[in-house]
Amino acid sequence: MVFIARFLFTVLGLMVIAEILPGITVDNVYIAFIAAFVLALLNAVVRPVLLILTLPITVITLGLFAFVISALLFMFAASFLDGFAVDGFWWALIGSVSMTIVSTIGTKWIK
């Protein structure tokens, strides 16, 4: 039940972020559900592998490269989903950081 609540909070957060940030667009709620699912899948499966593979760069940049990985995954999700678009790397970075903040607030609020 907690997983479903967190997922719904993420979908809502993605819709709000798309309304606030002009560089990120989500056409409808259905696309937001799919985008949130794809982002969750990428963050659960691909992100840990990328973090391990780029560990030296992440250590040298004091962890800031993890933001780059998150932004690239955000752009990657948008690249193959029709109806979910990101206008560039900087919008992806802002969007991924915003999604992290929304997800953290949602997790704390649900607990």
N, C-alpha and C. Protein backbone atom coordinates (compact mmCIF):
# COMPACT_ATOMS: atom_id res chain seq x y z
N MET A 1 0.82 -1.20 0.00
CA MET A 1 0.00 0.00 0.00
C MET A 1 0.87 1.27 0.00
N VAL A 2 1.98 1.20 0.72
CA VAL A 2 2.88 2.35 0.78
C VAL A 2 3.50 2.61 -0.58
N PHE A 3 3.83 1.52 -1.30
CA PHE A 3 4.42 1.66 -2.63
C PHE A 3 3.46 2.38 -3.57
N ILE A 4 2.19 2.02 -3.52
CA ILE A 4 1.19 2.65 -4.39
C ILE A 4 1.04 4.13 -4.04
N ALA A 5 1.02 4.45 -2.76
CA ALA A 5 0.90 5.85 -2.34
C ALA A 5 2.12 6.65 -2.80
N ARG A 6 3.31 6.08 -2.66
CA ARG A 6 4.52 6.77 -3.12
C ARG A 6 4.51 6.97 -4.63
N PHE A 7 4.03 5.95 -5.36
CA PHE A 7 3.96 6.04 -6.81
C PHE A 7 2.97 7.13 -7.23
N LEU A 8 1.81 7.18 -6.60
CA LEU A 8 0.82 8.20 -6.93
C LEU A 8 1.34 9.60 -6.60
N PHE A 9 2.09 9.71 -5.52
CA PHE A 9 2.70 10.99 -5.16
C PHE A 9 3.72 11.41 -6.21
N THR A 10 4.46 10.43 -6.74
CA THR A 10 5.43 10.72 -7.79
C THR A 10 4.74 11.18 -9.07
N VAL A 11 3.63 10.53 -9.42
CA VAL A 11 2.87 10.94 -10.60
C VAL A 11 2.36 12.36 -10.43
N LEU A 12 1.79 12.64 -9.27
CA LEU A 12 1.30 13.99 -8.99
C LEU A 12 2.44 15.00 -9.04
N GLY A 13 3.58 14.64 -8.48
CA GLY A 13 4.75 15.53 -8.51
C GLY A 13 5.22 15.79 -9.92
N LEU A 14 5.21 14.76 -10.76
CA LEU A 14 5.63 14.94 -12.15
C LEU A 14 4.67 15.87 -12.89
N MET A 15 3.39 15.75 -12.63
CA MET A 15 2.41 16.65 -13.26
C MET A 15 2.61 18.09 -12.80
N VAL A 16 2.86 18.29 -11.51
CA VAL A 16 3.07 19.63 -10.98
C VAL A 16 4.36 20.24 -11.54
N ILE A 17 5.42 19.44 -11.59
CA ILE A 17 6.69 19.92 -12.13
C ILE A 17 6.53 20.30 -13.59
N ALA A 18 5.77 19.51 -14.34
CA ALA A 18 5.55 19.83 -15.76
C ALA A 18 4.74 21.11 -15.93
N GLU A 19 3.88 21.40 -14.98
CA GLU A 19 3.11 22.66 -15.05
C GLU A 19 3.97 23.86 -14.68
N ILE A 20 4.89 23.69 -13.74
CA ILE A 20 5.70 24.80 -13.24
C ILE A 20 6.87 25.10 -14.17
N LEU A 21 7.57 24.07 -14.63
CA LEU A 21 8.77 24.25 -15.44
C LEU A 21 8.41 24.27 -16.92
N PRO A 22 8.75 25.33 -17.63
CA PRO A 22 8.38 25.42 -19.05
C PRO A 22 9.16 24.46 -19.95
N GLY A 23 10.28 23.94 -19.50
CA GLY A 23 11.09 23.06 -20.32
C GLY A 23 10.71 21.59 -20.23
N ILE A 24 9.74 21.27 -19.39
CA ILE A 24 9.29 19.89 -19.22
C ILE A 24 7.79 19.84 -19.51
N THR A 25 7.40 18.94 -20.39
CA THR A 25 5.98 18.82 -20.73
C THR A 25 5.51 17.38 -20.56
N VAL A 26 4.32 17.26 -20.01
CA VAL A 26 3.63 15.97 -19.89
C VAL A 26 2.23 16.21 -20.43
N ASP A 27 1.85 15.45 -21.45
CA ASP A 27 0.58 15.70 -22.14
C ASP A 27 -0.65 15.43 -21.28
N ASN A 28 -0.66 14.30 -20.57
CA ASN A 28 -1.84 13.96 -19.78
C ASN A 28 -1.44 13.05 -18.62
N VAL A 29 -2.43 12.69 -17.83
CA VAL A 29 -2.18 11.89 -16.63
C VAL A 29 -1.70 10.49 -17.00
N TYR A 30 -2.25 9.93 -18.07
CA TYR A 30 -1.82 8.60 -18.52
C TYR A 30 -0.33 8.59 -18.84
N ILE A 31 0.14 9.59 -19.54
CA ILE A 31 1.58 9.70 -19.85
C ILE A 31 2.38 9.90 -18.57
N ALA A 32 1.84 10.64 -17.61
CA ALA A 32 2.53 10.84 -16.33
C ALA A 32 2.70 9.52 -15.59
N PHE A 33 1.67 8.66 -15.62
CA PHE A 33 1.78 7.35 -14.99
C PHE A 33 2.88 6.52 -15.65
N ILE A 34 2.90 6.52 -16.98
CA ILE A 34 3.91 5.74 -17.70
C ILE A 34 5.30 6.31 -17.44
N ALA A 35 5.42 7.64 -17.48
CA ALA A 35 6.72 8.28 -17.24
C ALA A 35 7.22 8.00 -15.82
N ALA A 36 6.33 8.07 -14.85
CA ALA A 36 6.73 7.79 -13.47
C ALA A 36 7.18 6.34 -13.33
N PHE A 37 6.49 5.44 -13.99
CA PHE A 37 6.88 4.02 -13.95
C PHE A 37 8.24 3.81 -14.60
N VAL A 38 8.45 4.41 -15.76
CA VAL A 38 9.73 4.27 -16.46
C VAL A 38 10.85 4.89 -15.64
N LEU A 39 10.61 6.05 -15.06
CA LEU A 39 11.63 6.70 -14.22
C LEU A 39 11.95 5.84 -13.00
N ALA A 40 10.94 5.26 -12.39
CA ALA A 40 11.17 4.39 -11.23
C ALA A 40 11.98 3.16 -11.63
N LEU A 41 11.65 2.59 -12.78
CA LEU A 41 12.38 1.43 -13.28
C LEU A 41 13.84 1.78 -13.58
N LEU A 42 14.05 2.89 -14.26
CA LEU A 42 15.42 3.32 -14.57
C LEU A 42 16.21 3.61 -13.30
N ASN A 43 15.59 4.27 -12.34
CA ASN A 43 16.28 4.60 -11.10
C ASN A 43 16.56 3.37 -10.24
N ALA A 44 15.74 2.34 -10.37
CA ALA A 44 15.94 1.13 -9.58
C ALA A 44 16.94 0.17 -10.22
N VAL A 45 16.99 0.14 -11.54
CA VAL A 45 17.83 -0.85 -12.22
C VAL A 45 19.09 -0.24 -12.83
N VAL A 46 18.94 0.81 -13.60
CA VAL A 46 20.06 1.35 -14.37
C VAL A 46 20.94 2.27 -13.52
N ARG A 47 20.31 3.10 -12.69
CA ARG A 47 21.07 4.10 -11.93
C ARG A 47 22.15 3.48 -11.03
N PRO A 48 21.85 2.40 -10.26
CA PRO A 48 22.92 1.83 -9.44
C PRO A 48 24.10 1.31 -10.26
N VAL A 49 23.83 0.73 -11.41
CA VAL A 49 24.90 0.24 -12.28
C VAL A 49 25.75 1.41 -12.77
N LEU A 50 25.08 2.49 -13.21
CA LEU A 50 25.82 3.65 -13.68
C LEU A 50 26.63 4.30 -12.56
N LEU A 51 26.07 4.33 -11.36
CA LEU A 51 26.82 4.91 -10.24
C LEU A 51 28.07 4.11 -9.92
N ILE A 52 27.98 2.79 -10.02
CA ILE A 52 29.15 1.95 -9.77
C ILE A 52 30.18 2.14 -10.88
N LEU A 53 29.72 2.17 -12.13
CA LEU A 53 30.64 2.32 -13.25
C LEU A 53 31.33 3.69 -13.27
N THR A 54 30.65 4.71 -12.77
CA THR A 54 31.23 6.06 -12.77
C THR A 54 31.71 6.48 -11.38
N LEU A 55 31.97 5.51 -10.53
CA LEU A 55 32.39 5.82 -9.16
C LEU A 55 33.63 6.71 -9.09
N PRO A 56 34.67 6.48 -9.89
CA PRO A 56 35.82 7.40 -9.80
C PRO A 56 35.46 8.85 -10.13
N ILE A 57 34.64 9.06 -11.16
CA ILE A 57 34.23 10.43 -11.50
C ILE A 57 33.37 11.02 -10.40
N THR A 58 32.50 10.20 -9.83
CA THR A 58 31.63 10.67 -8.76
C THR A 58 32.44 11.06 -7.53
N VAL A 59 33.47 10.29 -7.22
CA VAL A 59 34.32 10.61 -6.07
C VAL A 59 35.10 11.90 -6.33
N ILE A 60 35.64 12.03 -7.53
CA ILE A 60 36.43 13.23 -7.87
C ILE A 60 35.56 14.49 -7.80
N THR A 61 34.31 14.39 -8.24
CA THR A 61 33.42 15.55 -8.23
C THR A 61 32.64 15.68 -6.92
N LEU A 62 33.03 14.90 -5.92
CA LEU A 62 32.41 14.93 -4.59
C LEU A 62 30.90 14.63 -4.65
N GLY A 63 30.52 13.72 -5.55
CA GLY A 63 29.14 13.28 -5.64
C GLY A 63 28.27 14.05 -6.60
N LEU A 64 28.78 15.13 -7.17
CA LEU A 64 27.97 15.94 -8.08
C LEU A 64 27.65 15.23 -9.39
N PHE A 65 28.47 14.26 -9.77
CA PHE A 65 28.20 13.54 -11.01
C PHE A 65 26.94 12.69 -10.90
N ALA A 66 26.52 12.37 -9.70
CA ALA A 66 25.26 11.63 -9.51
C ALA A 66 24.08 12.45 -10.02
N PHE A 67 24.15 13.77 -9.91
CA PHE A 67 23.11 14.64 -10.46
C PHE A 67 23.09 14.53 -11.99
N VAL A 68 24.26 14.44 -12.58
CA VAL A 68 24.35 14.31 -14.03
C VAL A 68 23.72 12.99 -14.48
N ILE A 69 23.99 11.92 -13.76
CA ILE A 69 23.41 10.62 -14.08
C ILE A 69 21.89 10.69 -13.97
N SER A 70 21.38 11.31 -12.93
CA SER A 70 19.92 11.44 -12.77
C SER A 70 19.31 12.25 -13.91
N ALA A 71 19.98 13.32 -14.31
CA ALA A 71 19.48 14.14 -15.41
C ALA A 71 19.49 13.36 -16.72
N LEU A 72 20.54 12.59 -16.95
CA LEU A 72 20.61 11.80 -18.18
C LEU A 72 19.53 10.73 -18.21
N LEU A 73 19.24 10.12 -17.08
CA LEU A 73 18.16 9.13 -17.02
C LEU A 73 16.80 9.80 -17.25
N PHE A 74 16.64 11.00 -16.72
CA PHE A 74 15.40 11.77 -16.93
C PHE A 74 15.22 12.07 -18.42
N MET A 75 16.31 12.49 -19.08
CA MET A 75 16.26 12.75 -20.52
C MET A 75 16.03 11.47 -21.31
N PHE A 76 16.64 10.39 -20.86
CA PHE A 76 16.48 9.11 -21.55
C PHE A 76 15.03 8.64 -21.49
N ALA A 77 14.39 8.79 -20.34
CA ALA A 77 12.98 8.42 -20.22
C ALA A 77 12.13 9.26 -21.15
N ALA A 78 12.43 10.53 -21.24
CA ALA A 78 11.66 11.43 -22.09
C ALA A 78 11.93 11.18 -23.57
N SER A 79 13.08 10.62 -23.89
CA SER A 79 13.43 10.44 -25.30
C SER A 79 12.59 9.38 -26.01
N PHE A 80 12.11 8.39 -25.28
CA PHE A 80 11.33 7.36 -25.96
C PHE A 80 9.87 7.30 -25.52
N LEU A 81 9.40 8.29 -24.78
CA LEU A 81 8.00 8.37 -24.41
C LEU A 81 7.34 9.54 -25.14
N ASP A 82 6.41 9.24 -26.00
CA ASP A 82 5.65 10.30 -26.66
C ASP A 82 4.73 10.95 -25.64
N GLY A 83 4.73 12.26 -25.58
CA GLY A 83 3.90 12.98 -24.63
C GLY A 83 4.66 13.44 -23.40
N PHE A 84 5.91 12.99 -23.25
CA PHE A 84 6.77 13.43 -22.15
C PHE A 84 8.03 13.96 -22.80
N ALA A 85 8.27 15.26 -22.65
CA ALA A 85 9.40 15.89 -23.34
C ALA A 85 10.20 16.77 -22.39
N VAL A 86 11.50 16.79 -22.60
CA VAL A 86 12.42 17.65 -21.86
C VAL A 86 13.22 18.42 -22.90
N ASP A 87 13.30 19.74 -22.74
CA ASP A 87 13.91 20.60 -23.75
C ASP A 87 15.43 20.64 -23.76
N GLY A 88 16.08 20.05 -22.79
CA GLY A 88 17.53 20.06 -22.79
C GLY A 88 18.08 19.53 -21.49
N PHE A 89 19.42 19.49 -21.43
CA PHE A 89 20.07 18.93 -20.25
C PHE A 89 19.74 19.70 -18.98
N TRP A 90 19.76 21.03 -19.05
CA TRP A 90 19.54 21.82 -17.84
C TRP A 90 18.12 21.64 -17.30
N TRP A 91 17.14 21.54 -18.21
CA TRP A 91 15.78 21.27 -17.76
C TRP A 91 15.67 19.88 -17.17
N ALA A 92 16.43 18.93 -17.73
CA ALA A 92 16.44 17.58 -17.18
C ALA A 92 17.07 17.57 -15.78
N LEU A 93 18.12 18.36 -15.61
CA LEU A 93 18.76 18.45 -14.30
C LEU A 93 17.81 19.05 -13.27
N ILE A 94 17.17 20.14 -13.63
CA ILE A 94 16.21 20.78 -12.73
C ILE A 94 15.04 19.83 -12.45
N GLY A 95 14.57 19.14 -13.48
CA GLY A 95 13.46 18.21 -13.32
C GLY A 95 13.81 17.03 -12.44
N SER A 96 15.01 16.48 -12.61
CA SER A 96 15.40 15.33 -11.79
C SER A 96 15.61 15.73 -10.33
N VAL A 97 16.20 16.89 -10.11
CA VAL A 97 16.36 17.37 -8.73
C VAL A 97 14.99 17.65 -8.11
N SER A 98 14.09 18.24 -8.89
CA SER A 98 12.73 18.50 -8.39
C SER A 98 12.01 17.20 -8.07
N MET A 99 12.17 16.19 -8.94
CA MET A 99 11.54 14.90 -8.68
C MET A 99 12.11 14.24 -7.42
N THR A 100 13.40 14.42 -7.20
CA THR A 100 14.02 13.88 -5.98
C THR A 100 13.45 14.55 -4.75
N ILE A 101 13.28 15.86 -4.80
CA ILE A 101 12.71 16.61 -3.67
C ILE A 101 11.27 16.18 -3.43
N VAL A 102 10.48 16.08 -4.49
CA VAL A 102 9.08 15.67 -4.37
C VAL A 102 8.99 14.25 -3.81
N SER A 103 9.83 13.36 -4.30
CA SER A 103 9.82 11.98 -3.84
C SER A 103 10.22 11.88 -2.36
N THR A 104 11.21 12.66 -1.96
CA THR A 104 11.63 12.67 -0.56
C THR A 104 10.53 13.20 0.34
N ILE A 105 9.90 14.29 -0.06
CA ILE A 105 8.79 14.85 0.74
C ILE A 105 7.65 13.85 0.80
N GLY A 106 7.33 13.22 -0.31
CA GLY A 106 6.25 12.23 -0.33
C GLY A 106 6.54 11.04 0.56
N THR A 107 7.76 10.57 0.55
CA THR A 107 8.14 9.44 1.39
C THR A 107 8.05 9.81 2.86
N LYS A 108 8.53 10.98 3.23
CA LYS A 108 8.45 11.42 4.63
C LYS A 108 7.02 11.65 5.06
N TRP A 109 6.19 12.18 4.16
CA TRP A 109 4.80 12.48 4.47
C TRP A 109 3.98 11.19 4.65
N ILE A 110 4.26 10.18 3.82
CA ILE A 110 3.52 8.94 3.88
C ILE A 110 3.87 8.16 5.13
N LYS A 111 5.12 8.19 5.55
CA LYS A 111 5.52 7.48 6.77
C LYS A 111 4.95 8.18 7.97
